[in-house]
Each structure stands twice: as structure tokens, then as C-alpha cells.
Amino acid sequence: MNVCDECKKPCAECPVGLMSEIEQMRVLGNGHSGAGYELLYKIIMGLQRARKLHPVFAEGKYQALGRISAEVGELVQAVEKNEGTAREKAEIIDCLVVLIRAWLDEHEVAP
């Protein structure tokens, strides 16, 4: 039985799963580990920036949904106004950041 290098548990019990880090990055990067690492880095930097600017993400799940909706609206606006791929990708990262903060229940926990 394989044992995880990180948690030392059998892979079936490992919270990391059956994939190595490089395999995870390949999945995240659609076959390209470099793209996966870049995306993960941009998400992490976005989370740091957002938590610094907005330590309180939202007060309750409905306000969290409003934050998500606002970010998606900014993405739609960037696409409709042809603001370019770089701007669209930046807005996609912002959408991912608010979704991750909601997934982590940051709207229910004070920082």
C-alpha cells in the first residue's frame, strides 16, 4: 500500500489524495504543471490581497452571495467592454478568490 509523503497515512486515508503535487499541478494547469503552479500562485496572492483589503469578507451567506455576484458582474463587464485577456483573467482570479472565501465559510467567521 502506498503511503503519503506528507501525512504518512495510507493513500486511501490521505487528505492530499492519490496524486503527487506535480500531478495535481498538471490537472490544475490542464496538462501543464507550470500553468497549474502559476494559477495557484495567482489565487494565493489574490487571497492575501483580498484578506488585507477586506478582512471581513461578508456578514452572512447572503452578503457573501452579493460579493460573488459583484465579482462575476465585473468579469462580465470586462468581457463586454473588450478590456482584453489580461483584464478578464484578473477578474476570473477575483471571482475564484471570493468563491474560495465563501467555500471556507469566511462569511461566518471573524478574522
PDB file of N, CA and C in Angstrom:
ATOM      1  N   MET A   1       0.839  -1.179   0.000  1.00  0.00           N
ATOM      2  CA  MET A   1       0.000   0.000   0.000  1.00  0.00           C
ATOM      3  C   MET A   1       0.889   1.249   0.000  1.00  0.00           C
ATOM      4  N   ASN A   2       0.531   2.226  -0.838  1.00  0.00           N
ATOM      5  CA  ASN A   2       1.273   3.478  -0.896  1.00  0.00           C
ATOM      6  C   ASN A   2       0.987   4.327   0.333  1.00  0.00           C
ATOM      7  N   VAL A   3       2.021   5.064   0.772  1.00  0.00           N
ATOM      8  CA  VAL A   3       1.893   5.956   1.913  1.00  0.00           C
ATOM      9  C   VAL A   3       2.229   7.371   1.449  1.00  0.00           C
ATOM     10  N   CYS A   4       1.422   8.322   1.880  1.00  0.00           N
ATOM     11  CA  CYS A   4       1.610   9.719   1.502  1.00  0.00           C
ATOM     12  C   CYS A   4       2.903  10.254   2.106  1.00  0.00           C
ATOM     13  N   ASP A   5       3.680  10.971   1.288  1.00  0.00           N
ATOM     14  CA  ASP A   5       4.913  11.591   1.779  1.00  0.00           C
ATOM     15  C   ASP A   5       4.632  12.698   2.785  1.00  0.00           C
ATOM     16  N   GLU A   6       3.471  13.349   2.665  1.00  0.00           N
ATOM     17  CA  GLU A   6       3.170  14.493   3.514  1.00  0.00           C
ATOM     18  C   GLU A   6       2.566  14.100   4.856  1.00  0.00           C
ATOM     19  N   CYS A   7       1.533  13.262   4.841  1.00  0.00           N
ATOM     20  CA  CYS A   7       0.836  12.968   6.098  1.00  0.00           C
ATOM     21  C   CYS A   7       1.178  11.598   6.667  1.00  0.00           C
ATOM     22  N   LYS A   8       1.932  10.802   5.914  1.00  0.00           N
ATOM     23  CA  LYS A   8       2.398   9.470   6.332  1.00  0.00           C
ATOM     24  C   LYS A   8       1.262   8.470   6.547  1.00  0.00           C
ATOM     25  N   LYS A   9       0.082   8.785   6.014  1.00  0.00           N
ATOM     26  CA  LYS A   9      -1.059   7.869   6.099  1.00  0.00           C
ATOM     27  C   LYS A   9      -1.154   7.083   4.801  1.00  0.00           C
ATOM     28  N   PRO A  10      -1.816   5.929   4.849  1.00  0.00           N
ATOM     29  CA  PRO A  10      -2.069   5.214   3.591  1.00  0.00           C
ATOM     30  C   PRO A  10      -2.842   6.124   2.638  1.00  0.00           C
ATOM     31  N   CYS A  11      -2.547   6.037   1.366  1.00  0.00           N
ATOM     32  CA  CYS A  11      -3.142   6.952   0.393  1.00  0.00           C
ATOM     33  C   CYS A  11      -4.661   7.010   0.459  1.00  0.00           C
ATOM     34  N   ALA A  12      -5.311   5.903   0.768  1.00  0.00           N
ATOM     35  CA  ALA A  12      -6.765   5.896   0.843  1.00  0.00           C
ATOM     36  C   ALA A  12      -7.272   6.812   1.954  1.00  0.00           C
ATOM     37  N   GLU A  13      -6.446   7.083   2.963  1.00  0.00           N
ATOM     38  CA  GLU A  13      -6.841   7.933   4.089  1.00  0.00           C
ATOM     39  C   GLU A  13      -6.243   9.331   3.990  1.00  0.00           C
ATOM     40  N   CYS A  14      -5.394   9.550   3.036  1.00  0.00           N
ATOM     41  CA  CYS A  14      -4.643  10.803   2.923  1.00  0.00           C
ATOM     42  C   CYS A  14      -5.543  11.944   2.478  1.00  0.00           C
ATOM     43  N   PRO A  15      -5.482  13.083   3.192  1.00  0.00           N
ATOM     44  CA  PRO A  15      -6.284  14.226   2.758  1.00  0.00           C
ATOM     45  C   PRO A  15      -5.796  14.834   1.450  1.00  0.00           C
ATOM     46  N   VAL A  16      -4.551  14.599   1.091  1.00  0.00           N
ATOM     47  CA  VAL A  16      -3.997  15.123  -0.151  1.00  0.00           C
ATOM     48  C   VAL A  16      -4.499  14.308  -1.335  1.00  0.00           C
ATOM     49  N   GLY A  17      -4.786  13.054  -1.123  1.00  0.00           N
ATOM     50  CA  GLY A  17      -5.284  12.202  -2.189  1.00  0.00           C
ATOM     51  C   GLY A  17      -4.196  11.338  -2.779  1.00  0.00           C
ATOM     52  N   LEU A  18      -4.503  10.750  -3.898  1.00  0.00           N
ATOM     53  CA  LEU A  18      -3.604   9.792  -4.532  1.00  0.00           C
ATOM     54  C   LEU A  18      -2.598  10.443  -5.476  1.00  0.00           C
ATOM     55  N   MET A  19      -2.755  11.708  -5.779  1.00  0.00           N
ATOM     56  CA  MET A  19      -1.885  12.361  -6.753  1.00  0.00           C
ATOM     57  C   MET A  19      -0.701  13.045  -6.094  1.00  0.00           C
ATOM     58  N   SER A  20       0.399  13.019  -6.783  1.00  0.00           N
ATOM     59  CA  SER A  20       1.563  13.786  -6.329  1.00  0.00           C
ATOM     60  C   SER A  20       1.296  15.267  -6.596  1.00  0.00           C
ATOM     61  N   GLU A  21       2.130  16.120  -6.021  1.00  0.00           N
ATOM     62  CA  GLU A  21       1.962  17.568  -6.229  1.00  0.00           C
ATOM     63  C   GLU A  21       2.075  17.923  -7.703  1.00  0.00           C
ATOM     64  N   ILE A  22       3.029  17.335  -8.388  1.00  0.00           N
ATOM     65  CA  ILE A  22       3.207  17.657  -9.804  1.00  0.00           C
ATOM     66  C   ILE A  22       1.991  17.205 -10.614  1.00  0.00           C
ATOM     67  N   GLU A  23       1.413  16.061 -10.258  1.00  0.00           N
ATOM     68  CA  GLU A  23       0.206  15.599 -10.946  1.00  0.00           C
ATOM     69  C   GLU A  23      -0.962  16.541 -10.670  1.00  0.00           C
ATOM     70  N   GLN A  24      -1.056  17.024  -9.424  1.00  0.00           N
ATOM     71  CA  GLN A  24      -2.108  17.978  -9.082  1.00  0.00           C
ATOM     72  C   GLN A  24      -1.960  19.251  -9.909  1.00  0.00           C
ATOM     73  N   MET A  25      -0.734  19.725 -10.074  1.00  0.00           N
ATOM     74  CA  MET A  25      -0.496  20.944 -10.847  1.00  0.00           C
ATOM     75  C   MET A  25      -0.799  20.727 -12.319  1.00  0.00           C
ATOM     76  N   ARG A  26      -0.534  19.519 -12.814  1.00  0.00           N
ATOM     77  CA  ARG A  26      -0.882  19.206 -14.205  1.00  0.00           C
ATOM     78  C   ARG A  26      -2.392  19.243 -14.404  1.00  0.00           C
ATOM     79  N   VAL A  27      -3.122  18.712 -13.443  1.00  0.00           N
ATOM     80  CA  VAL A  27      -4.588  18.753 -13.530  1.00  0.00           C
ATOM     81  C   VAL A  27      -5.063  20.200 -13.477  1.00  0.00           C
ATOM     82  N   LEU A  28      -4.555  20.959 -12.528  1.00  0.00           N
ATOM     83  CA  LEU A  28      -4.944  22.357 -12.382  1.00  0.00           C
ATOM     84  C   LEU A  28      -4.585  23.160 -13.632  1.00  0.00           C
ATOM     85  N   GLY A  29      -3.451  22.834 -14.249  1.00  0.00           N
ATOM     86  CA  GLY A  29      -2.981  23.550 -15.437  1.00  0.00           C
ATOM     87  C   GLY A  29      -3.391  22.928 -16.753  1.00  0.00           C
ATOM     88  N   ASN A  30      -4.389  22.047 -16.730  1.00  0.00           N
ATOM     89  CA  ASN A  30      -4.897  21.416 -17.949  1.00  0.00           C
ATOM     90  C   ASN A  30      -3.781  20.724 -18.745  1.00  0.00           C
ATOM     91  N   GLY A  31      -2.972  19.956 -18.013  1.00  0.00           N
ATOM     92  CA  GLY A  31      -1.900  19.189 -18.644  1.00  0.00           C
ATOM     93  C   GLY A  31      -0.527  19.836 -18.535  1.00  0.00           C
ATOM     94  N   HIS A  32      -0.470  21.060 -18.036  1.00  0.00           N
ATOM     95  CA  HIS A  32       0.791  21.794 -17.937  1.00  0.00           C
ATOM     96  C   HIS A  32       1.028  22.189 -16.480  1.00  0.00           C
ATOM     97  N   SER A  33       1.996  21.548 -15.841  1.00  0.00           N
ATOM     98  CA  SER A  33       2.234  21.821 -14.421  1.00  0.00           C
ATOM     99  C   SER A  33       2.626  23.275 -14.191  1.00  0.00           C
ATOM    100  N   GLY A  34       3.366  23.875 -15.108  1.00  0.00           N
ATOM    101  CA  GLY A  34       3.757  25.276 -14.954  1.00  0.00           C
ATOM    102  C   GLY A  34       2.544  26.191 -14.894  1.00  0.00           C
ATOM    103  N   ALA A  35       1.565  25.923 -15.738  1.00  0.00           N
ATOM    104  CA  ALA A  35       0.334  26.721 -15.731  1.00  0.00           C
ATOM    105  C   ALA A  35      -0.431  26.491 -14.428  1.00  0.00           C
ATOM    106  N   GLY A  36      -0.386  25.262 -13.924  1.00  0.00           N
ATOM    107  CA  GLY A  36      -1.042  24.962 -12.653  1.00  0.00           C
ATOM    108  C   GLY A  36      -0.416  25.720 -11.501  1.00  0.00           C
ATOM    109  N   TYR A  37       0.921  25.731 -11.467  1.00  0.00           N
ATOM    110  CA  TYR A  37       1.619  26.481 -10.419  1.00  0.00           C
ATOM    111  C   TYR A  37       1.326  27.973 -10.536  1.00  0.00           C
ATOM    112  N   GLU A  38       1.312  28.496 -11.760  1.00  0.00           N
ATOM    113  CA  GLU A  38       1.027  29.917 -11.964  1.00  0.00           C
ATOM    114  C   GLU A  38      -0.375  30.268 -11.478  1.00  0.00           C
ATOM    115  N   LEU A  39      -1.349  29.433 -11.829  1.00  0.00           N
ATOM    116  CA  LEU A  39      -2.720  29.682 -11.391  1.00  0.00           C
ATOM    117  C   LEU A  39      -2.832  29.636  -9.874  1.00  0.00           C
ATOM    118  N   LEU A  40      -2.241  28.627  -9.260  1.00  0.00           N
ATOM    119  CA  LEU A  40      -2.290  28.512  -7.807  1.00  0.00           C
ATOM    120  C   LEU A  40      -1.627  29.723  -7.149  1.00  0.00           C
ATOM    121  N   TYR A  41      -0.498  30.168  -7.679  1.00  0.00           N
ATOM    122  CA  TYR A  41       0.190  31.345  -7.146  1.00  0.00           C
ATOM    123  C   TYR A  41      -0.708  32.583  -7.234  1.00  0.00           C
ATOM    124  N   LYS A  42      -1.358  32.772  -8.385  1.00  0.00           N
ATOM    125  CA  LYS A  42      -2.224  33.933  -8.563  1.00  0.00           C
ATOM    126  C   LYS A  42      -3.408  33.888  -7.596  1.00  0.00           C
ATOM    127  N   ILE A  43      -3.947  32.700  -7.357  1.00  0.00           N
ATOM    128  CA  ILE A  43      -5.049  32.563  -6.400  1.00  0.00           C
ATOM    129  C   ILE A  43      -4.568  32.897  -4.990  1.00  0.00           C
ATOM    130  N   ILE A  44      -3.418  32.363  -4.603  1.00  0.00           N
ATOM    131  CA  ILE A  44      -2.877  32.622  -3.260  1.00  0.00           C
ATOM    132  C   ILE A  44      -2.599  34.115  -3.078  1.00  0.00           C
ATOM    133  N   MET A  45      -1.991  34.739  -4.068  1.00  0.00           N
ATOM    134  CA  MET A  45      -1.717  36.169  -3.968  1.00  0.00           C
ATOM    135  C   MET A  45      -3.024  36.969  -3.911  1.00  0.00           C
ATOM    136  N   GLY A  46      -4.008  36.537  -4.668  1.00  0.00           N
ATOM    137  CA  GLY A  46      -5.313  37.189  -4.638  1.00  0.00           C
ATOM    138  C   GLY A  46      -5.982  37.067  -3.282  1.00  0.00           C
ATOM    139  N   LEU A  47      -5.860  35.887  -2.663  1.00  0.00           N
ATOM    140  CA  LEU A  47      -6.417  35.696  -1.321  1.00  0.00           C
ATOM    141  C   LEU A  47      -5.719  36.597  -0.309  1.00  0.00           C
ATOM    142  N   GLN A  48      -4.400  36.680  -0.392  1.00  0.00           N
ATOM    143  CA  GLN A  48      -3.670  37.561   0.528  1.00  0.00           C
ATOM    144  C   GLN A  48      -4.092  39.016   0.361  1.00  0.00           C
ATOM    145  N   ARG A  49      -4.177  39.452  -0.877  1.00  0.00           N
ATOM    146  CA  ARG A  49      -4.561  40.832  -1.156  1.00  0.00           C
ATOM    147  C   ARG A  49      -5.985  41.110  -0.668  1.00  0.00           C
ATOM    148  N   ALA A  50      -6.904  40.206  -0.960  1.00  0.00           N
ATOM    149  CA  ALA A  50      -8.299  40.401  -0.575  1.00  0.00           C
ATOM    150  C   ALA A  50      -8.462  40.419   0.943  1.00  0.00           C
ATOM    151  N   ARG A  51      -7.763  39.537   1.642  1.00  0.00           N
ATOM    152  CA  ARG A  51      -7.883  39.494   3.104  1.00  0.00           C
ATOM    153  C   ARG A  51      -7.273  40.735   3.747  1.00  0.00           C
ATOM    154  N   LYS A  52      -6.267  41.304   3.099  1.00  0.00           N
ATOM    155  CA  LYS A  52      -5.674  42.533   3.628  1.00  0.00           C
ATOM    156  C   LYS A  52      -6.617  43.711   3.397  1.00  0.00           C
ATOM    157  N   LEU A  53      -7.172  43.807   2.182  1.00  0.00           N
ATOM    158  CA  LEU A  53      -8.077  44.904   1.854  1.00  0.00           C
ATOM    159  C   LEU A  53      -9.441  44.775   2.521  1.00  0.00           C
ATOM    160  N   HIS A  54      -9.918  43.541   2.626  1.00  0.00           N
ATOM    161  CA  HIS A  54     -11.265  43.277   3.164  1.00  0.00           C
ATOM    162  C   HIS A  54     -11.181  42.154   4.203  1.00  0.00           C
ATOM    163  N   PRO A  55     -10.690  42.444   5.416  1.00  0.00           N
ATOM    164  CA  PRO A  55     -10.553  41.391   6.430  1.00  0.00           C
ATOM    165  C   PRO A  55     -11.886  40.699   6.745  1.00  0.00           C
ATOM    166  N   VAL A  56     -12.964  41.470   6.716  1.00  0.00           N
ATOM    167  CA  VAL A  56     -14.290  40.866   6.879  1.00  0.00           C
ATOM    168  C   VAL A  56     -14.838  40.654   5.476  1.00  0.00           C
ATOM    169  N   PHE A  57     -14.933  39.413   5.088  1.00  0.00           N
ATOM    170  CA  PHE A  57     -15.381  39.072   3.736  1.00  0.00           C
ATOM    171  C   PHE A  57     -16.844  39.439   3.547  1.00  0.00           C
ATOM    172  N   ALA A  58     -17.673  38.975   4.433  1.00  0.00           N
ATOM    173  CA  ALA A  58     -19.110  39.223   4.350  1.00  0.00           C
ATOM    174  C   ALA A  58     -19.726  38.864   5.691  1.00  0.00           C
ATOM    175  N   GLU A  59     -20.861  39.451   5.951  1.00  0.00           N
ATOM    176  CA  GLU A  59     -21.596  39.142   7.181  1.00  0.00           C
ATOM    177  C   GLU A  59     -22.821  38.325   6.818  1.00  0.00           C
ATOM    178  N   GLY A  60     -22.615  37.023   6.724  1.00  0.00           N
ATOM    179  CA  GLY A  60     -23.701  36.111   6.378  1.00  0.00           C
ATOM    180  C   GLY A  60     -23.624  35.638   4.939  1.00  0.00           C
ATOM    181  N   LYS A  61     -24.332  34.552   4.678  1.00  0.00           N
ATOM    182  CA  LYS A  61     -24.247  33.925   3.360  1.00  0.00           C
ATOM    183  C   LYS A  61     -24.873  34.762   2.253  1.00  0.00           C
ATOM    184  N   TYR A  62     -25.881  35.566   2.568  1.00  0.00           N
ATOM    185  CA  TYR A  62     -26.494  36.373   1.511  1.00  0.00           C
ATOM    186  C   TYR A  62     -25.578  37.514   1.085  1.00  0.00           C
ATOM    187  N   GLN A  63     -24.882  38.086   2.031  1.00  0.00           N
ATOM    188  CA  GLN A  63     -23.908  39.115   1.674  1.00  0.00           C
ATOM    189  C   GLN A  63     -22.740  38.482   0.899  1.00  0.00           C
ATOM    190  N   ALA A  64     -22.369  37.263   1.271  1.00  0.00           N
ATOM    191  CA  ALA A  64     -21.331  36.545   0.518  1.00  0.00           C
ATOM    192  C   ALA A  64     -21.779  36.323  -0.927  1.00  0.00           C
ATOM    193  N   LEU A  65     -23.031  35.942  -1.110  1.00  0.00           N
ATOM    194  CA  LEU A  65     -23.551  35.779  -2.472  1.00  0.00           C
ATOM    195  C   LEU A  65     -23.515  37.097  -3.229  1.00  0.00           C
ATOM    196  N   GLY A  66     -23.778  38.186  -2.540  1.00  0.00           N
ATOM    197  CA  GLY A  66     -23.687  39.501  -3.168  1.00  0.00           C
ATOM    198  C   GLY A  66     -22.272  39.810  -3.615  1.00  0.00           C
ATOM    199  N   ARG A  67     -21.282  39.442  -2.798  1.00  0.00           N
ATOM    200  CA  ARG A  67     -19.876  39.654  -3.163  1.00  0.00           C
ATOM    201  C   ARG A  67     -19.522  38.835  -4.409  1.00  0.00           C
ATOM    202  N   ILE A  68     -19.988  37.596  -4.422  1.00  0.00           N
ATOM    203  CA  ILE A  68     -19.730  36.729  -5.578  1.00  0.00           C
ATOM    204  C   ILE A  68     -20.372  37.326  -6.823  1.00  0.00           C
ATOM    205  N   SER A  69     -21.621  37.723  -6.704  1.00  0.00           N
ATOM    206  CA  SER A  69     -22.347  38.306  -7.832  1.00  0.00           C
ATOM    207  C   SER A  69     -21.650  39.558  -8.353  1.00  0.00           C
ATOM    208  N   ALA A  70     -21.158  40.401  -7.444  1.00  0.00           N
ATOM    209  CA  ALA A  70     -20.466  41.624  -7.852  1.00  0.00           C
ATOM    210  C   ALA A  70     -19.205  41.305  -8.646  1.00  0.00           C
ATOM    211  N   GLU A  71     -18.454  40.299  -8.203  1.00  0.00           N
ATOM    212  CA  GLU A  71     -17.229  39.934  -8.931  1.00  0.00           C
ATOM    213  C   GLU A  71     -17.542  39.348 -10.299  1.00  0.00           C
ATOM    214  N   VAL A  72     -18.585  38.528 -10.373  1.00  0.00           N
ATOM    215  CA  VAL A  72     -18.976  37.982 -11.674  1.00  0.00           C
ATOM    216  C   VAL A  72     -19.423  39.125 -12.587  1.00  0.00           C
ATOM    217  N   GLY A  73     -20.108  40.107 -12.018  1.00  0.00           N
ATOM    218  CA  GLY A  73     -20.515  41.272 -12.793  1.00  0.00           C
ATOM    219  C   GLY A  73     -19.324  42.021 -13.364  1.00  0.00           C
ATOM    220  N   GLU A  74     -18.266  42.145 -12.586  1.00  0.00           N
ATOM    221  CA  GLU A  74     -17.053  42.809 -13.078  1.00  0.00           C
ATOM    222  C   GLU A  74     -16.415  42.017 -14.211  1.00  0.00           C
ATOM    223  N   LEU A  75     -16.457  40.691 -14.118  1.00  0.00           N
ATOM    224  CA  LEU A  75     -15.932  39.849 -15.197  1.00  0.00           C
ATOM    225  C   LEU A  75     -16.760  40.038 -16.463  1.00  0.00           C
ATOM    226  N   VAL A  76     -18.072  40.031 -16.321  1.00  0.00           N
ATOM    227  CA  VAL A  76     -18.958  40.231 -17.476  1.00  0.00           C
ATOM    228  C   VAL A  76     -18.670  41.577 -18.125  1.00  0.00           C
ATOM    229  N   GLN A  77     -18.506  42.593 -17.307  1.00  0.00           N
ATOM    230  CA  GLN A  77     -18.221  43.931 -17.823  1.00  0.00           C
ATOM    231  C   GLN A  77     -16.890  43.956 -18.586  1.00  0.00           C
ATOM    232  N   ALA A  78     -15.883  43.304 -18.053  1.00  0.00           N
ATOM    233  CA  ALA A  78     -14.577  43.252 -18.735  1.00  0.00           C
ATOM    234  C   ALA A  78     -14.690  42.579 -20.090  1.00  0.00           C
ATOM    235  N   VAL A  79     -15.495  41.526 -20.167  1.00  0.00           N
ATOM    236  CA  VAL A  79     -15.676  40.811 -21.440  1.00  0.00           C
ATOM    237  C   VAL A  79     -16.482  41.671 -22.414  1.00  0.00           C
ATOM    238  N   GLU A  80     -17.585  42.228 -21.928  1.00  0.00           N
ATOM    239  CA  GLU A  80     -18.457  43.012 -22.813  1.00  0.00           C
ATOM    240  C   GLU A  80     -17.768  44.259 -23.348  1.00  0.00           C
ATOM    241  N   LYS A  81     -16.877  44.846 -22.558  1.00  0.00           N
ATOM    242  CA  LYS A  81     -16.183  46.064 -22.993  1.00  0.00           C
ATOM    243  C   LYS A  81     -14.865  45.759 -23.697  1.00  0.00           C
ATOM    244  N   ASN A  82     -14.620  44.466 -23.975  1.00  0.00           N
ATOM    245  CA  ASN A  82     -13.396  44.048 -24.670  1.00  0.00           C
ATOM    246  C   ASN A  82     -12.146  44.635 -24.028  1.00  0.00           C
ATOM    247  N   GLU A  83     -12.033  44.476 -22.718  1.00  0.00           N
ATOM    248  CA  GLU A  83     -10.900  45.045 -21.987  1.00  0.00           C
ATOM    249  C   GLU A  83      -9.631  44.208 -22.100  1.00  0.00           C
ATOM    250  N   GLY A  84      -9.705  43.100 -22.792  1.00  0.00           N
ATOM    251  CA  GLY A  84      -8.526  42.284 -23.051  1.00  0.00           C
ATOM    252  C   GLY A  84      -8.418  41.065 -22.147  1.00  0.00           C
ATOM    253  N   THR A  85      -7.630  40.128 -22.621  1.00  0.00           N
ATOM    254  CA  THR A  85      -7.458  38.855 -21.927  1.00  0.00           C
ATOM    255  C   THR A  85      -6.858  39.032 -20.534  1.00  0.00           C
ATOM    256  N   ALA A  86      -5.874  39.900 -20.396  1.00  0.00           N
ATOM    257  CA  ALA A  86      -5.230  40.090 -19.087  1.00  0.00           C
ATOM    258  C   ALA A  86      -6.242  40.570 -18.055  1.00  0.00           C
ATOM    259  N   ARG A  87      -7.074  41.529 -18.447  1.00  0.00           N
ATOM    260  CA  ARG A  87      -8.096  42.050 -17.527  1.00  0.00           C
ATOM    261  C   ARG A  87      -9.128  40.968 -17.203  1.00  0.00           C
ATOM    262  N   GLU A  88      -9.542  40.219 -18.206  1.00  0.00           N
ATOM    263  CA  GLU A  88     -10.509  39.146 -17.992  1.00  0.00           C
ATOM    264  C   GLU A  88      -9.947  38.095 -17.032  1.00  0.00           C
ATOM    265  N   LYS A  89      -8.675  37.724 -17.232  1.00  0.00           N
ATOM    266  CA  LYS A  89      -8.061  36.728 -16.349  1.00  0.00           C
ATOM    267  C   LYS A  89      -7.933  37.262 -14.919  1.00  0.00           C
ATOM    268  N   ALA A  90      -7.638  38.545 -14.777  1.00  0.00           N
ATOM    269  CA  ALA A  90      -7.567  39.143 -13.438  1.00  0.00           C
ATOM    270  C   ALA A  90      -8.934  39.073 -12.765  1.00  0.00           C
ATOM    271  N   GLU A  91      -9.983  39.326 -13.517  1.00  0.00           N
ATOM    272  CA  GLU A  91     -11.336  39.250 -12.950  1.00  0.00           C
ATOM    273  C   GLU A  91     -11.722  37.805 -12.621  1.00  0.00           C
ATOM    274  N   ILE A  92     -11.246  36.870 -13.419  1.00  0.00           N
ATOM    275  CA  ILE A  92     -11.502  35.454 -13.118  1.00  0.00           C
ATOM    276  C   ILE A  92     -10.846  35.083 -11.792  1.00  0.00           C
ATOM    277  N   ILE A  93      -9.615  35.539 -11.580  1.00  0.00           N
ATOM    278  CA  ILE A  93      -8.940  35.280 -10.294  1.00  0.00           C
ATOM    279  C   ILE A  93      -9.743  35.885  -9.160  1.00  0.00           C
ATOM    280  N   ASP A  94     -10.233  37.125  -9.338  1.00  0.00           N
ATOM    281  CA  ASP A  94     -11.043  37.757  -8.296  1.00  0.00           C
ATOM    282  C   ASP A  94     -12.304  36.935  -8.005  1.00  0.00           C
ATOM    283  N   CYS A  95     -12.915  36.388  -9.047  1.00  0.00           N
ATOM    284  CA  CYS A  95     -14.089  35.520  -8.849  1.00  0.00           C
ATOM    285  C   CYS A  95     -13.705  34.281  -8.046  1.00  0.00           C
ATOM    286  N   LEU A  96     -12.596  33.661  -8.411  1.00  0.00           N
ATOM    287  CA  LEU A  96     -12.142  32.473  -7.676  1.00  0.00           C
ATOM    288  C   LEU A  96     -11.876  32.801  -6.212  1.00  0.00           C
ATOM    289  N   VAL A  97     -11.281  33.961  -5.965  1.00  0.00           N
ATOM    290  CA  VAL A  97     -10.962  34.366  -4.597  1.00  0.00           C
ATOM    291  C   VAL A  97     -12.228  34.491  -3.754  1.00  0.00           C
ATOM    292  N   VAL A  98     -13.250  35.159  -4.276  1.00  0.00           N
ATOM    293  CA  VAL A  98     -14.472  35.295  -3.472  1.00  0.00           C
ATOM    294  C   VAL A  98     -15.176  33.951  -3.315  1.00  0.00           C
ATOM    295  N   LEU A  99     -15.109  33.122  -4.326  1.00  0.00           N
ATOM    296  CA  LEU A  99     -15.702  31.785  -4.206  1.00  0.00           C
ATOM    297  C   LEU A  99     -14.976  30.950  -3.151  1.00  0.00           C
ATOM    298  N   ILE A 100     -13.658  31.034  -3.137  1.00  0.00           N
ATOM    299  CA  ILE A 100     -12.883  30.295  -2.142  1.00  0.00           C
ATOM    300  C   ILE A 100     -13.192  30.814  -0.742  1.00  0.00           C
ATOM    301  N   ARG A 101     -13.272  32.113  -0.585  1.00  0.00           N
ATOM    302  CA  ARG A 101     -13.586  32.676   0.734  1.00  0.00           C
ATOM    303  C   ARG A 101     -14.969  32.223   1.191  1.00  0.00           C
ATOM    304  N   ALA A 102     -15.915  32.142   0.270  1.00  0.00           N
ATOM    305  CA  ALA A 102     -17.243  31.637   0.615  1.00  0.00           C
ATOM    306  C   ALA A 102     -17.170  30.154   0.964  1.00  0.00           C
ATOM    307  N   TRP A 103     -16.418  29.380   0.176  1.00  0.00           N
ATOM    308  CA  TRP A 103     -16.284  27.945   0.422  1.00  0.00           C
ATOM    309  C   TRP A 103     -15.665  27.686   1.795  1.00  0.00           C
ATOM    310  N   LEU A 104     -14.751  28.570   2.189  1.00  0.00           N
ATOM    311  CA  LEU A 104     -14.094  28.440   3.501  1.00  0.00           C
ATOM    312  C   LEU A 104     -14.947  29.006   4.643  1.00  0.00           C
ATOM    313  N   ASP A 105     -16.155  29.421   4.321  1.00  0.00           N
ATOM    314  CA  ASP A 105     -17.084  29.970   5.316  1.00  0.00           C
ATOM    315  C   ASP A 105     -16.538  31.221   5.995  1.00  0.00           C
ATOM    316  N   GLU A 106     -15.778  32.029   5.284  1.00  0.00           N
ATOM    317  CA  GLU A 106     -15.238  33.245   5.880  1.00  0.00           C
ATOM    318  C   GLU A 106     -16.358  34.250   6.194  1.00  0.00           C
ATOM    319  N   HIS A 107     -17.531  34.041   5.626  1.00  0.00           N
ATOM    320  CA  HIS A 107     -18.663  34.910   5.939  1.00  0.00           C
ATOM    321  C   HIS A 107     -19.278  34.576   7.298  1.00  0.00           C
ATOM    322  N   GLU A 108     -18.842  33.479   7.895  1.00  0.00           N
ATOM    323  CA  GLU A 108     -19.387  33.058   9.188  1.00  0.00           C
ATOM    324  C   GLU A 108     -18.392  33.204  10.328  1.00  0.00           C
ATOM    325  N   VAL A 109     -17.150  33.543   9.981  1.00  0.00           N
ATOM    326  CA  VAL A 109     -16.093  33.573  10.987  1.00  0.00           C
ATOM    327  C   VAL A 109     -15.413  34.938  10.970  1.00  0.00           C
ATOM    328  N   ALA A 110     -15.236  35.528  12.131  1.00  0.00           N
ATOM    329  CA  ALA A 110     -14.497  36.786  12.203  1.00  0.00           C
ATOM    330  C   ALA A 110     -13.017  36.494  12.034  1.00  0.00           C
ATOM    331  N   PRO A 111     -12.285  37.416  11.367  1.00  0.00           N
ATOM    332  CA  PRO A 111     -10.855  37.187  11.141  1.00  0.00           C
ATOM    333  C   PRO A 111     -10.056  37.192  12.435  1.00  0.00           C
TER     334      PRO A 111
END
